């Protein structure tokens, strides 16, 4: 999280530093990613019951971010989303059949889905 804070501060006061255009653009892209994707999930994950649902939602958001970035065809932008997807794939071990039951206590899943899930278990 300290790296994220540093990047945000650098973006805010970046005009006081001599940075090349490429670095400014990279910092701006990282800030966009932090604001639109990372921050939401950082503050949402502390609730264990929401973790499986949020992981799947994060994966979908990263895929749509990657698709959006492919349209802009900038290598660095695609690299951000692809790296995050790889990291998420390595850390999604708890999205397994045995852990799906936690979703029943999630406040992010509607009652119909919970009922269908309970019937399947």
PDB file of N, CA and C in Angstrom:
ATOM      1  N   UNK A   1       0.818  -1.193   0.000  1.00  0.00           N
ATOM      2  CA  UNK A   1       0.000   0.000   0.000  1.00  0.00           C
ATOM      3  C   UNK A   1       0.862   1.256   0.000  1.00  0.00           C
ATOM      4  N   UNK A   2       2.045   1.184   0.583  1.00  0.00           N
ATOM      5  CA  UNK A   2       2.909   2.371   0.617  1.00  0.00           C
ATOM      6  C   UNK A   2       3.336   2.783  -0.793  1.00  0.00           C
ATOM      7  N   UNK A   3       3.530   1.818  -1.675  1.00  0.00           N
ATOM      8  CA  UNK A   3       3.881   2.140  -3.056  1.00  0.00           C
ATOM      9  C   UNK A   3       2.743   2.869  -3.744  1.00  0.00           C
ATOM     10  N   UNK A   4       1.530   2.430  -3.459  1.00  0.00           N
ATOM     11  CA  UNK A   4       0.345   3.069  -4.039  1.00  0.00           C
ATOM     12  C   UNK A   4       0.253   4.519  -3.576  1.00  0.00           C
ATOM     13  N   UNK A   5       0.455   4.741  -2.298  1.00  0.00           N
ATOM     14  CA  UNK A   5       0.400   6.097  -1.752  1.00  0.00           C
ATOM     15  C   UNK A   5       1.486   6.966  -2.383  1.00  0.00           C
ATOM     16  N   UNK A   6       2.675   6.395  -2.549  1.00  0.00           N
ATOM     17  CA  UNK A   6       3.771   7.143  -3.175  1.00  0.00           C
ATOM     18  C   UNK A   6       3.411   7.536  -4.600  1.00  0.00           C
ATOM     19  N   UNK A   7       2.829   6.620  -5.370  1.00  0.00           N
ATOM     20  CA  UNK A   7       2.452   6.915  -6.758  1.00  0.00           C
ATOM     21  C   UNK A   7       1.390   8.009  -6.800  1.00  0.00           C
ATOM     22  N   UNK A   8       0.413   7.929  -5.896  1.00  0.00           N
ATOM     23  CA  UNK A   8      -0.620   8.969  -5.852  1.00  0.00           C
ATOM     24  C   UNK A   8      -0.030  10.329  -5.492  1.00  0.00           C
ATOM     25  N   UNK A   9       0.873  10.360  -4.519  1.00  0.00           N
ATOM     26  CA  UNK A   9       1.524  11.624  -4.143  1.00  0.00           C
ATOM     27  C   UNK A   9       2.355  12.164  -5.298  1.00  0.00           C
ATOM     28  N   UNK A  10       3.067  11.292  -5.976  1.00  0.00           N
ATOM     29  CA  UNK A  10       3.889  11.719  -7.103  1.00  0.00           C
ATOM     30  C   UNK A  10       3.014  12.309  -8.204  1.00  0.00           C
ATOM     31  N   UNK A  11       1.855  11.742  -8.398  1.00  0.00           N
ATOM     32  CA  UNK A  11       0.932  12.273  -9.402  1.00  0.00           C
ATOM     33  C   UNK A  11       0.419  13.652  -8.999  1.00  0.00           C
ATOM     34  N   UNK A  12       0.103  13.806  -7.707  1.00  0.00           N
ATOM     35  CA  UNK A  12      -0.444  15.072  -7.236  1.00  0.00           C
ATOM     36  C   UNK A  12       0.582  16.201  -7.321  1.00  0.00           C
ATOM     37  N   UNK A  13       1.803  15.937  -6.883  1.00  0.00           N
ATOM     38  CA  UNK A  13       2.827  16.983  -6.868  1.00  0.00           C
ATOM     39  C   UNK A  13       3.867  16.774  -7.964  1.00  0.00           C
ATOM     40  N   UNK A  14       3.552  15.980  -8.945  1.00  0.00           N
ATOM     41  CA  UNK A  14       4.498  15.623 -10.000  1.00  0.00           C
ATOM     42  C   UNK A  14       5.001  16.774 -10.835  1.00  0.00           C
ATOM     43  N   UNK A  15       4.278  17.857 -10.884  1.00  0.00           N
ATOM     44  CA  UNK A  15       4.698  18.995 -11.692  1.00  0.00           C
ATOM     45  C   UNK A  15       5.922  19.675 -11.098  1.00  0.00           C
ATOM     46  N   UNK A  16       6.190  19.415  -9.835  1.00  0.00           N
ATOM     47  CA  UNK A  16       7.357  20.012  -9.184  1.00  0.00           C
ATOM     48  C   UNK A  16       8.637  19.244  -9.493  1.00  0.00           C
ATOM     49  N   UNK A  17       8.499  18.049 -10.082  1.00  0.00           N
ATOM     50  CA  UNK A  17       9.645  17.215 -10.408  1.00  0.00           C
ATOM     51  C   UNK A  17       9.879  17.208 -11.911  1.00  0.00           C
ATOM     52  N   UNK A  18      11.104  17.020 -12.280  1.00  0.00           N
ATOM     53  CA  UNK A  18      11.437  16.909 -13.694  1.00  0.00           C
ATOM     54  C   UNK A  18      11.306  15.436 -14.078  1.00  0.00           C
ATOM     55  N   UNK A  19      10.265  15.136 -14.835  1.00  0.00           N
ATOM     56  CA  UNK A  19      10.020  13.773 -15.298  1.00  0.00           C
ATOM     57  C   UNK A  19       9.897  13.791 -16.812  1.00  0.00           C
ATOM     58  N   UNK A  20      10.373  12.743 -17.442  1.00  0.00           N
ATOM     59  CA  UNK A  20      10.193  12.667 -18.882  1.00  0.00           C
ATOM     60  C   UNK A  20       8.735  12.324 -19.182  1.00  0.00           C
ATOM     61  N   UNK A  21       8.316  12.608 -20.369  1.00  0.00           N
ATOM     62  CA  UNK A  21       6.913  12.432 -20.757  1.00  0.00           C
ATOM     63  C   UNK A  21       6.446  10.999 -20.573  1.00  0.00           C
ATOM     64  N   UNK A  22       7.307  10.046 -20.904  1.00  0.00           N
ATOM     65  CA  UNK A  22       6.930   8.630 -20.769  1.00  0.00           C
ATOM     66  C   UNK A  22       6.640   8.274 -19.315  1.00  0.00           C
ATOM     67  N   UNK A  23       7.455   8.788 -18.380  1.00  0.00           N
ATOM     68  CA  UNK A  23       7.230   8.515 -16.960  1.00  0.00           C
ATOM     69  C   UNK A  23       5.948   9.151 -16.466  1.00  0.00           C
ATOM     70  N   UNK A  24       5.679  10.372 -16.907  1.00  0.00           N
ATOM     71  CA  UNK A  24       4.420  11.039 -16.526  1.00  0.00           C
ATOM     72  C   UNK A  24       3.209  10.229 -17.003  1.00  0.00           C
ATOM     73  N   UNK A  25       3.290   9.745 -18.233  1.00  0.00           N
ATOM     74  CA  UNK A  25       2.187   8.956 -18.791  1.00  0.00           C
ATOM     75  C   UNK A  25       2.018   7.654 -18.020  1.00  0.00           C
ATOM     76  N   UNK A  26       3.126   7.008 -17.658  1.00  0.00           N
ATOM     77  CA  UNK A  26       3.051   5.755 -16.892  1.00  0.00           C
ATOM     78  C   UNK A  26       2.448   5.993 -15.518  1.00  0.00           C
ATOM     79  N   UNK A  27       2.835   7.073 -14.866  1.00  0.00           N
ATOM     80  CA  UNK A  27       2.275   7.399 -13.546  1.00  0.00           C
ATOM     81  C   UNK A  27       0.783   7.674 -13.669  1.00  0.00           C
ATOM     82  N   UNK A  28       0.384   8.392 -14.707  1.00  0.00           N
ATOM     83  CA  UNK A  28      -1.040   8.674 -14.912  1.00  0.00           C
ATOM     84  C   UNK A  28      -1.835   7.388 -15.110  1.00  0.00           C
ATOM     85  N   UNK A  29      -1.283   6.449 -15.875  1.00  0.00           N
ATOM     86  CA  UNK A  29      -1.963   5.167 -16.093  1.00  0.00           C
ATOM     87  C   UNK A  29      -2.089   4.376 -14.799  1.00  0.00           C
ATOM     88  N   UNK A  30      -1.033   4.371 -14.003  1.00  0.00           N
ATOM     89  CA  UNK A  30      -1.094   3.666 -12.720  1.00  0.00           C
ATOM     90  C   UNK A  30      -2.135   4.291 -11.801  1.00  0.00           C
ATOM     91  N   UNK A  31      -2.210   5.606 -11.790  1.00  0.00           N
ATOM     92  CA  UNK A  31      -3.208   6.290 -10.958  1.00  0.00           C
ATOM     93  C   UNK A  31      -4.621   5.946 -11.426  1.00  0.00           C
ATOM     94  N   UNK A  32      -4.839   5.904 -12.732  1.00  0.00           N
ATOM     95  CA  UNK A  32      -6.154   5.507 -13.248  1.00  0.00           C
ATOM     96  C   UNK A  32      -6.506   4.099 -12.784  1.00  0.00           C
ATOM     97  N   UNK A  33      -5.553   3.203 -12.870  1.00  0.00           N
ATOM     98  CA  UNK A  33      -5.794   1.829 -12.438  1.00  0.00           C
ATOM     99  C   UNK A  33      -6.100   1.775 -10.942  1.00  0.00           C
ATOM    100  N   UNK A  34      -5.346   2.505 -10.142  1.00  0.00           N
ATOM    101  CA  UNK A  34      -5.559   2.533  -8.691  1.00  0.00           C
ATOM    102  C   UNK A  34      -6.956   3.046  -8.374  1.00  0.00           C
ATOM    103  N   UNK A  35      -7.355   4.114  -9.026  1.00  0.00           N
ATOM    104  CA  UNK A  35      -8.650   4.729  -8.731  1.00  0.00           C
ATOM    105  C   UNK A  35      -9.809   3.861  -9.211  1.00  0.00           C
ATOM    106  N   UNK A  36      -9.725   3.358 -10.431  1.00  0.00           N
ATOM    107  CA  UNK A  36     -10.863   2.635 -11.011  1.00  0.00           C
ATOM    108  C   UNK A  36     -10.974   1.179 -10.584  1.00  0.00           C
ATOM    109  N   UNK A  37      -9.869   0.537 -10.271  1.00  0.00           N
ATOM    110  CA  UNK A  37      -9.906  -0.895  -9.959  1.00  0.00           C
ATOM    111  C   UNK A  37      -9.413  -1.178  -8.536  1.00  0.00           C
ATOM    112  N   UNK A  38      -8.183  -0.864  -8.259  1.00  0.00           N
ATOM    113  CA  UNK A  38      -7.501  -1.320  -7.047  1.00  0.00           C
ATOM    114  C   UNK A  38      -8.149  -0.828  -5.749  1.00  0.00           C
ATOM    115  N   UNK A  39      -8.450   0.461  -5.670  1.00  0.00           N
ATOM    116  CA  UNK A  39      -8.946   1.044  -4.415  1.00  0.00           C
ATOM    117  C   UNK A  39     -10.267   0.415  -3.980  1.00  0.00           C
ATOM    118  N   UNK A  40     -11.156   0.185  -4.911  1.00  0.00           N
ATOM    119  CA  UNK A  40     -12.446  -0.409  -4.570  1.00  0.00           C
ATOM    120  C   UNK A  40     -12.263  -1.769  -3.898  1.00  0.00           C
ATOM    121  N   UNK A  41     -11.424  -2.598  -4.493  1.00  0.00           N
ATOM    122  CA  UNK A  41     -11.237  -3.946  -3.954  1.00  0.00           C
ATOM    123  C   UNK A  41     -10.397  -3.938  -2.676  1.00  0.00           C
ATOM    124  N   UNK A  42      -9.479  -3.002  -2.563  1.00  0.00           N
ATOM    125  CA  UNK A  42      -8.667  -2.901  -1.348  1.00  0.00           C
ATOM    126  C   UNK A  42      -9.560  -2.669  -0.129  1.00  0.00           C
ATOM    127  N   UNK A  43     -10.554  -1.809  -0.264  1.00  0.00           N
ATOM    128  CA  UNK A  43     -11.424  -1.496   0.855  1.00  0.00           C
ATOM    129  C   UNK A  43     -12.572  -2.492   1.018  1.00  0.00           C
ATOM    130  N   UNK A  44     -12.835  -3.310   0.014  1.00  0.00           N
ATOM    131  CA  UNK A  44     -13.938  -4.267   0.086  1.00  0.00           C
ATOM    132  C   UNK A  44     -13.535  -5.636   0.607  1.00  0.00           C
ATOM    133  N   UNK A  45     -12.281  -6.010   0.486  1.00  0.00           N
ATOM    134  CA  UNK A  45     -11.856  -7.367   0.808  1.00  0.00           C
ATOM    135  C   UNK A  45     -11.824  -7.750   2.284  1.00  0.00           C
ATOM    136  N   UNK A  46     -11.771  -6.856   3.245  1.00  0.00           N
ATOM    137  CA  UNK A  46     -11.667  -7.307   4.640  1.00  0.00           C
ATOM    138  C   UNK A  46     -12.797  -8.225   5.117  1.00  0.00           C
ATOM    139  N   UNK A  47     -13.937  -8.225   4.460  1.00  0.00           N
ATOM    140  CA  UNK A  47     -15.042  -9.097   4.850  1.00  0.00           C
ATOM    141  C   UNK A  47     -14.837 -10.455   4.170  1.00  0.00           C
ATOM    142  N   UNK A  48     -14.549 -11.474   4.955  1.00  0.00           N
ATOM    143  CA  UNK A  48     -14.210 -12.796   4.428  1.00  0.00           C
ATOM    144  C   UNK A  48     -15.332 -13.393   3.579  1.00  0.00           C
ATOM    145  N   UNK A  49     -16.555 -13.182   3.981  1.00  0.00           N
ATOM    146  CA  UNK A  49     -17.684 -13.771   3.248  1.00  0.00           C
ATOM    147  C   UNK A  49     -17.789 -13.224   1.824  1.00  0.00           C
ATOM    148  N   UNK A  50     -17.260 -12.029   1.599  1.00  0.00           N
ATOM    149  CA  UNK A  50     -17.333 -11.427   0.267  1.00  0.00           C
ATOM    150  C   UNK A  50     -16.159 -11.797  -0.625  1.00  0.00           C
ATOM    151  N   UNK A  51     -15.138 -12.426  -0.076  1.00  0.00           N
ATOM    152  CA  UNK A  51     -13.910 -12.682  -0.836  1.00  0.00           C
ATOM    153  C   UNK A  51     -14.134 -13.486  -2.121  1.00  0.00           C
ATOM    154  N   UNK A  52     -14.851 -14.618  -2.092  1.00  0.00           N
ATOM    155  CA  UNK A  52     -15.034 -15.356  -3.356  1.00  0.00           C
ATOM    156  C   UNK A  52     -15.777 -14.543  -4.418  1.00  0.00           C
ATOM    157  N   UNK A  53     -16.815 -13.849  -4.003  1.00  0.00           N
ATOM    158  CA  UNK A  53     -17.587 -13.034  -4.943  1.00  0.00           C
ATOM    159  C   UNK A  53     -16.746 -11.898  -5.498  1.00  0.00           C
ATOM    160  N   UNK A  54     -16.005 -11.220  -4.618  1.00  0.00           N
ATOM    161  CA  UNK A  54     -15.172 -10.110  -5.056  1.00  0.00           C
ATOM    162  C   UNK A  54     -14.037 -10.568  -5.966  1.00  0.00           C
ATOM    163  N   UNK A  55     -13.500 -11.742  -5.720  1.00  0.00           N
ATOM    164  CA  UNK A  55     -12.424 -12.250  -6.564  1.00  0.00           C
ATOM    165  C   UNK A  55     -12.919 -12.466  -7.990  1.00  0.00           C
ATOM    166  N   UNK A  56     -14.089 -13.058  -8.119  1.00  0.00           N
ATOM    167  CA  UNK A  56     -14.653 -13.267  -9.457  1.00  0.00           C
ATOM    168  C   UNK A  56     -14.989 -11.938 -10.128  1.00  0.00           C
ATOM    169  N   UNK A  57     -15.512 -10.997  -9.334  1.00  0.00           N
ATOM    170  CA  UNK A  57     -15.832  -9.681  -9.878  1.00  0.00           C
ATOM    171  C   UNK A  57     -14.547  -8.954 -10.295  1.00  0.00           C
ATOM    172  N   UNK A  58     -13.497  -9.051  -9.481  1.00  0.00           N
ATOM    173  CA  UNK A  58     -12.218  -8.435  -9.820  1.00  0.00           C
ATOM    174  C   UNK A  58     -11.657  -9.038 -11.101  1.00  0.00           C
ATOM    175  N   UNK A  59     -11.760 -10.336 -11.251  1.00  0.00           N
ATOM    176  CA  UNK A  59     -11.265 -10.988 -12.460  1.00  0.00           C
ATOM    177  C   UNK A  59     -11.999 -10.454 -13.696  1.00  0.00           C
ATOM    178  N   UNK A  60     -13.320 -10.322 -13.583  1.00  0.00           N
ATOM    179  CA  UNK A  60     -14.099  -9.764 -14.699  1.00  0.00           C
ATOM    180  C   UNK A  60     -13.695  -8.322 -14.991  1.00  0.00           C
ATOM    181  N   UNK A  61     -13.508  -7.518 -13.934  1.00  0.00           N
ATOM    182  CA  UNK A  61     -13.110  -6.125 -14.129  1.00  0.00           C
ATOM    183  C   UNK A  61     -11.729  -6.008 -14.769  1.00  0.00           C
ATOM    184  N   UNK A  62     -10.819  -6.874 -14.358  1.00  0.00           N
ATOM    185  CA  UNK A  62      -9.486  -6.860 -14.956  1.00  0.00           C
ATOM    186  C   UNK A  62      -9.531  -7.265 -16.422  1.00  0.00           C
ATOM    187  N   UNK A  63     -10.372  -8.239 -16.746  1.00  0.00           N
ATOM    188  CA  UNK A  63     -10.525  -8.652 -18.141  1.00  0.00           C
ATOM    189  C   UNK A  63     -11.104  -7.508 -18.983  1.00  0.00           C
ATOM    190  N   UNK A  64     -12.094  -6.806 -18.448  1.00  0.00           N
ATOM    191  CA  UNK A  64     -12.662  -5.688 -19.208  1.00  0.00           C
ATOM    192  C   UNK A  64     -11.657  -4.538 -19.307  1.00  0.00           C
ATOM    193  N   UNK A  65     -10.861  -4.319 -18.256  1.00  0.00           N
ATOM    194  CA  UNK A  65      -9.806  -3.308 -18.291  1.00  0.00           C
ATOM    195  C   UNK A  65      -8.778  -3.687 -19.366  1.00  0.00           C
ATOM    196  N   UNK A  66      -8.427  -4.963 -19.424  1.00  0.00           N
ATOM    197  CA  UNK A  66      -7.468  -5.437 -20.422  1.00  0.00           C
ATOM    198  C   UNK A  66      -8.023  -5.236 -21.829  1.00  0.00           C
ATOM    199  N   UNK A  67      -9.299  -5.542 -22.018  1.00  0.00           N
ATOM    200  CA  UNK A  67      -9.921  -5.369 -23.327  1.00  0.00           C
ATOM    201  C   UNK A  67      -9.940  -3.890 -23.713  1.00  0.00           C
ATOM    202  N   UNK A  68     -10.250  -3.042 -22.731  1.00  0.00           N
ATOM    203  CA  UNK A  68     -10.267  -1.603 -22.978  1.00  0.00           C
ATOM    204  C   UNK A  68      -8.874  -1.115 -23.358  1.00  0.00           C
ATOM    205  N   UNK A  69      -7.862  -1.651 -22.680  1.00  0.00           N
ATOM    206  CA  UNK A  69      -6.501  -1.226 -22.947  1.00  0.00           C
ATOM    207  C   UNK A  69      -5.995  -1.763 -24.285  1.00  0.00           C
ATOM    208  N   UNK A  70      -6.479  -2.935 -24.708  1.00  0.00           N
ATOM    209  CA  UNK A  70      -6.081  -3.474 -26.010  1.00  0.00           C
ATOM    210  C   UNK A  70      -6.556  -2.557 -27.125  1.00  0.00           C
ATOM    211  N   UNK A  71      -7.739  -1.965 -26.924  1.00  0.00           N
ATOM    212  CA  UNK A  71      -8.263  -1.057 -27.931  1.00  0.00           C
ATOM    213  C   UNK A  71      -7.372   0.169 -28.076  1.00  0.00           C
ATOM    214  N   UNK A  72      -6.771   0.598 -26.981  1.00  0.00           N
ATOM    215  CA  UNK A  72      -5.874   1.754 -27.033  1.00  0.00           C
ATOM    216  C   UNK A  72      -4.481   1.360 -27.504  1.00  0.00           C
ATOM    217  N   UNK A  73      -4.223   0.075 -27.524  1.00  0.00           N
ATOM    218  CA  UNK A  73      -2.980  -0.529 -28.026  1.00  0.00           C
ATOM    219  C   UNK A  73      -1.702   0.105 -27.456  1.00  0.00           C
ATOM    220  N   UNK A  74      -1.642   0.244 -26.160  1.00  0.00           N
ATOM    221  CA  UNK A  74      -0.421   0.679 -25.502  1.00  0.00           C
ATOM    222  C   UNK A  74       0.112  -0.491 -24.699  1.00  0.00           C
ATOM    223  N   UNK A  75       1.351  -0.839 -24.928  1.00  0.00           N
ATOM    224  CA  UNK A  75       1.934  -2.028 -24.316  1.00  0.00           C
ATOM    225  C   UNK A  75       1.949  -1.942 -22.793  1.00  0.00           C
ATOM    226  N   UNK A  76       2.269  -0.784 -22.244  1.00  0.00           N
ATOM    227  CA  UNK A  76       2.332  -0.639 -20.793  1.00  0.00           C
ATOM    228  C   UNK A  76       0.953  -0.819 -20.153  1.00  0.00           C
ATOM    229  N   UNK A  77      -0.071  -0.310 -20.796  1.00  0.00           N
ATOM    230  CA  UNK A  77      -1.430  -0.436 -20.268  1.00  0.00           C
ATOM    231  C   UNK A  77      -1.854  -1.905 -20.216  1.00  0.00           C
ATOM    232  N   UNK A  78      -1.570  -2.643 -21.269  1.00  0.00           N
ATOM    233  CA  UNK A  78      -1.913  -4.067 -21.283  1.00  0.00           C
ATOM    234  C   UNK A  78      -1.106  -4.819 -20.242  1.00  0.00           C
ATOM    235  N   UNK A  79       0.116  -4.396 -20.034  1.00  0.00           N
ATOM    236  CA  UNK A  79       0.991  -5.054 -19.067  1.00  0.00           C
ATOM    237  C   UNK A  79       0.404  -4.965 -17.649  1.00  0.00           C
ATOM    238  N   UNK A  80      -0.187  -3.841 -17.295  1.00  0.00           N
ATOM    239  CA  UNK A  80      -0.786  -3.675 -15.963  1.00  0.00           C
ATOM    240  C   UNK A  80      -1.871  -4.714 -15.743  1.00  0.00           C
ATOM    241  N   UNK A  81      -2.809  -4.800 -16.668  1.00  0.00           N
ATOM    242  CA  UNK A  81      -3.930  -5.731 -16.477  1.00  0.00           C
ATOM    243  C   UNK A  81      -3.478  -7.184 -16.575  1.00  0.00           C
ATOM    244  N   UNK A  82      -2.569  -7.489 -17.479  1.00  0.00           N
ATOM    245  CA  UNK A  82      -2.113  -8.875 -17.607  1.00  0.00           C
ATOM    246  C   UNK A  82      -1.357  -9.319 -16.359  1.00  0.00           C
ATOM    247  N   UNK A  83      -0.550  -8.445 -15.802  1.00  0.00           N
ATOM    248  CA  UNK A  83       0.183  -8.772 -14.575  1.00  0.00           C
ATOM    249  C   UNK A  83      -0.786  -8.997 -13.424  1.00  0.00           C
ATOM    250  N   UNK A  84      -1.787  -8.163 -13.303  1.00  0.00           N
ATOM    251  CA  UNK A  84      -2.772  -8.325 -12.226  1.00  0.00           C
ATOM    252  C   UNK A  84      -3.562  -9.613 -12.381  1.00  0.00           C
ATOM    253  N   UNK A  85      -3.913  -9.967 -13.595  1.00  0.00           N
ATOM    254  CA  UNK A  85      -4.649 -11.215 -13.829  1.00  0.00           C
ATOM    255  C   UNK A  85      -3.787 -12.416 -13.451  1.00  0.00           C
ATOM    256  N   UNK A  86      -2.499 -12.378 -13.801  1.00  0.00           N
ATOM    257  CA  UNK A  86      -1.595 -13.471 -13.422  1.00  0.00           C
ATOM    258  C   UNK A  86      -1.483 -13.594 -11.906  1.00  0.00           C
ATOM    259  N   UNK A  87      -1.368 -12.457 -11.222  1.00  0.00           N
ATOM    260  CA  UNK A  87      -1.279 -12.473  -9.761  1.00  0.00           C
ATOM    261  C   UNK A  87      -2.578 -13.005  -9.156  1.00  0.00           C
ATOM    262  N   UNK A  88      -3.696 -12.596  -9.701  1.00  0.00           N
ATOM    263  CA  UNK A  88      -4.983 -13.051  -9.191  1.00  0.00           C
ATOM    264  C   UNK A  88      -5.150 -14.546  -9.394  1.00  0.00           C
ATOM    265  N   UNK A  89      -4.702 -15.043 -10.526  1.00  0.00           N
ATOM    266  CA  UNK A  89      -4.781 -16.485 -10.780  1.00  0.00           C
ATOM    267  C   UNK A  89      -3.969 -17.281  -9.756  1.00  0.00           C
ATOM    268  N   UNK A  90      -2.845 -16.734  -9.327  1.00  0.00           N
ATOM    269  CA  UNK A  90      -2.012 -17.424  -8.335  1.00  0.00           C
ATOM    270  C   UNK A  90      -2.589 -17.341  -6.929  1.00  0.00           C
ATOM    271  N   UNK A  91      -3.402 -16.326  -6.668  1.00  0.00           N
ATOM    272  CA  UNK A  91      -3.917 -16.114  -5.315  1.00  0.00           C
ATOM    273  C   UNK A  91      -5.423 -16.349  -5.208  1.00  0.00           C
ATOM    274  N   UNK A  92      -5.976 -17.121  -6.091  1.00  0.00           N
ATOM    275  CA  UNK A  92      -7.414 -17.395  -6.038  1.00  0.00           C
ATOM    276  C   UNK A  92      -7.686 -18.834  -5.618  1.00  0.00           C
ATOM    277  N   UNK A  93      -6.810 -19.387  -4.814  1.00  0.00           N
ATOM    278  CA  UNK A  93      -6.946 -20.777  -4.377  1.00  0.00           C
ATOM    279  C   UNK A  93      -8.201 -20.995  -3.537  1.00  0.00           C
ATOM    280  N   UNK A  94      -8.679 -19.945  -2.877  1.00  0.00           N
ATOM    281  CA  UNK A  94      -9.838 -20.114  -2.006  1.00  0.00           C
ATOM    282  C   UNK A  94     -11.161 -20.048  -2.758  1.00  0.00           C
ATOM    283  N   UNK A  95     -11.126 -19.818  -4.067  1.00  0.00           N
ATOM    284  CA  UNK A  95     -12.354 -19.859  -4.854  1.00  0.00           C
ATOM    285  C   UNK A  95     -12.505 -21.287  -5.364  1.00  0.00           C
ATOM    286  N   UNK A  96     -12.786 -22.160  -4.441  1.00  0.00           N
ATOM    287  CA  UNK A  96     -12.938 -23.578  -4.738  1.00  0.00           C
ATOM    288  C   UNK A  96     -14.318 -24.015  -4.253  1.00  0.00           C
ATOM    289  N   UNK A  97     -14.706 -25.185  -4.636  1.00  0.00           N
ATOM    290  CA  UNK A  97     -16.013 -25.702  -4.242  1.00  0.00           C
ATOM    291  C   UNK A  97     -16.182 -25.735  -2.731  1.00  0.00           C
ATOM    292  N   UNK A  98     -15.138 -26.093  -2.025  1.00  0.00           N
ATOM    293  CA  UNK A  98     -15.253 -26.193  -0.569  1.00  0.00           C
ATOM    294  C   UNK A  98     -15.388 -24.832   0.112  1.00  0.00           C
ATOM    295  N   UNK A  99     -15.014 -23.759  -0.571  1.00  0.00           N
ATOM    296  CA  UNK A  99     -15.092 -22.432   0.020  1.00  0.00           C
ATOM    297  C   UNK A  99     -16.281 -21.611  -0.484  1.00  0.00           C
ATOM    298  N   UNK A 100     -17.013 -22.162  -1.416  1.00  0.00           N
ATOM    299  CA  UNK A 100     -18.163 -21.446  -1.970  1.00  0.00           C
ATOM    300  C   UNK A 100     -19.225 -21.198  -0.900  1.00  0.00           C
ATOM    301  N   UNK A 101     -19.261 -22.021   0.113  1.00  0.00           N
ATOM    302  CA  UNK A 101     -20.271 -21.880   1.168  1.00  0.00           C
ATOM    303  C   UNK A 101     -20.186 -20.522   1.863  1.00  0.00           C
ATOM    304  N   UNK A 102     -19.007 -19.905   1.875  1.00  0.00           N
ATOM    305  CA  UNK A 102     -18.868 -18.579   2.491  1.00  0.00           C
ATOM    306  C   UNK A 102     -19.728 -17.538   1.790  1.00  0.00           C
ATOM    307  N   UNK A 103     -20.024 -17.776   0.543  1.00  0.00           N
ATOM    308  CA  UNK A 103     -20.849 -16.849  -0.227  1.00  0.00           C
ATOM    309  C   UNK A 103     -22.251 -16.715   0.357  1.00  0.00           C
ATOM    310  N   UNK A 104     -22.704 -17.735   1.071  1.00  0.00           N
ATOM    311  CA  UNK A 104     -24.040 -17.669   1.672  1.00  0.00           C
ATOM    312  C   UNK A 104     -24.144 -16.554   2.708  1.00  0.00           C
ATOM    313  N   UNK A 105     -23.020 -16.109   3.267  1.00  0.00           N
ATOM    314  CA  UNK A 105     -23.025 -15.041   4.262  1.00  0.00           C
ATOM    315  C   UNK A 105     -22.657 -13.690   3.667  1.00  0.00           C
ATOM    316  N   UNK A 106     -22.463 -13.652   2.383  1.00  0.00           N
ATOM    317  CA  UNK A 106     -22.075 -12.407   1.724  1.00  0.00           C
ATOM    318  C   UNK A 106     -23.278 -11.492   1.562  1.00  0.00           C
ATOM    319  N   UNK A 107     -23.060 -10.211   1.787  1.00  0.00           N
ATOM    320  CA  UNK A 107     -24.134  -9.239   1.559  1.00  0.00           C
ATOM    321  C   UNK A 107     -24.114  -8.723   0.124  1.00  0.00           C
ATOM    322  N   UNK A 108     -23.214  -9.230  -0.698  1.00  0.00           N
ATOM    323  CA  UNK A 108     -23.104  -8.808  -2.095  1.00  0.00           C
ATOM    324  C   UNK A 108     -23.813  -9.766  -3.055  1.00  0.00           C
ATOM    325  N   UNK A 109     -24.352 -10.844  -2.520  1.00  0.00           N
ATOM    326  CA  UNK A 109     -25.038 -11.843  -3.343  1.00  0.00           C
ATOM    327  C   UNK A 109     -26.521 -11.790  -3.011  1.00  0.00           C
ATOM    328  N   UNK A 110     -27.350 -11.759  -4.043  1.00  0.00           N
ATOM    329  CA  UNK A 110     -28.790 -11.671  -3.796  1.00  0.00           C
ATOM    330  C   UNK A 110     -29.333 -13.001  -3.262  1.00  0.00           C
ATOM    331  N   UNK A 111     -30.524 -12.940  -2.687  1.00  0.00           N
ATOM    332  CA  UNK A 111     -31.124 -14.102  -2.030  1.00  0.00           C
ATOM    333  C   UNK A 111     -31.437 -15.240  -3.002  1.00  0.00           C
ATOM    334  N   UNK A 112     -31.817 -14.915  -4.215  1.00  0.00           N
ATOM    335  CA  UNK A 112     -32.123 -15.947  -5.207  1.00  0.00           C
ATOM    336  C   UNK A 112     -30.865 -16.762  -5.516  1.00  0.00           C
ATOM    337  N   UNK A 113     -29.767 -16.083  -5.691  1.00  0.00           N
ATOM    338  CA  UNK A 113     -28.498 -16.776  -5.966  1.00  0.00           C
ATOM    339  C   UNK A 113     -28.084 -17.619  -4.780  1.00  0.00           C
ATOM    340  N   UNK A 114     -28.274 -17.095  -3.570  1.00  0.00           N
ATOM    341  CA  UNK A 114     -27.936 -17.850  -2.357  1.00  0.00           C
ATOM    342  C   UNK A 114     -28.786 -19.115  -2.249  1.00  0.00           C
ATOM    343  N   UNK A 115     -30.080 -18.990  -2.570  1.00  0.00           N
ATOM    344  CA  UNK A 115     -30.976 -20.139  -2.520  1.00  0.00           C
ATOM    345  C   UNK A 115     -30.555 -21.199  -3.541  1.00  0.00           C
ATOM    346  N   UNK A 116     -30.267 -20.771  -4.743  1.00  0.00           N
ATOM    347  CA  UNK A 116     -29.812 -21.710  -5.780  1.00  0.00           C
ATOM    348  C   UNK A 116     -28.504 -22.375  -5.376  1.00  0.00           C
ATOM    349  N   UNK A 117     -27.608 -21.613  -4.791  1.00  0.00           N
ATOM    350  CA  UNK A 117     -26.325 -22.137  -4.357  1.00  0.00           C
ATOM    351  C   UNK A 117     -26.521 -23.158  -3.233  1.00  0.00           C
ATOM    352  N   UNK A 118     -27.389 -22.844  -2.279  1.00  0.00           N
ATOM    353  CA  UNK A 118     -27.641 -23.765  -1.164  1.00  0.00           C
ATOM    354  C   UNK A 118     -28.259 -25.078  -1.665  1.00  0.00           C
ATOM    355  N   UNK A 119     -29.141 -24.991  -2.660  1.00  0.00           N
ATOM    356  CA  UNK A 119     -29.741 -26.195  -3.207  1.00  0.00           C
ATOM    357  C   UNK A 119     -28.719 -27.064  -3.932  1.00  0.00           C
ATOM    358  N   UNK A 120     -27.745 -26.422  -4.581  1.00  0.00           N
ATOM    359  CA  UNK A 120     -26.707 -27.164  -5.305  1.00  0.00           C
ATOM    360  C   UNK A 120     -25.716 -27.820  -4.357  1.00  0.00           C
ATOM    361  N   UNK A 121     -25.494 -27.186  -3.200  1.00  0.00           N
ATOM    362  CA  UNK A 121     -24.547 -27.772  -2.248  1.00  0.00           C
ATOM    363  C   UNK A 121     -25.194 -28.965  -1.575  1.00  0.00           C
TER     364      UNK A 121
END
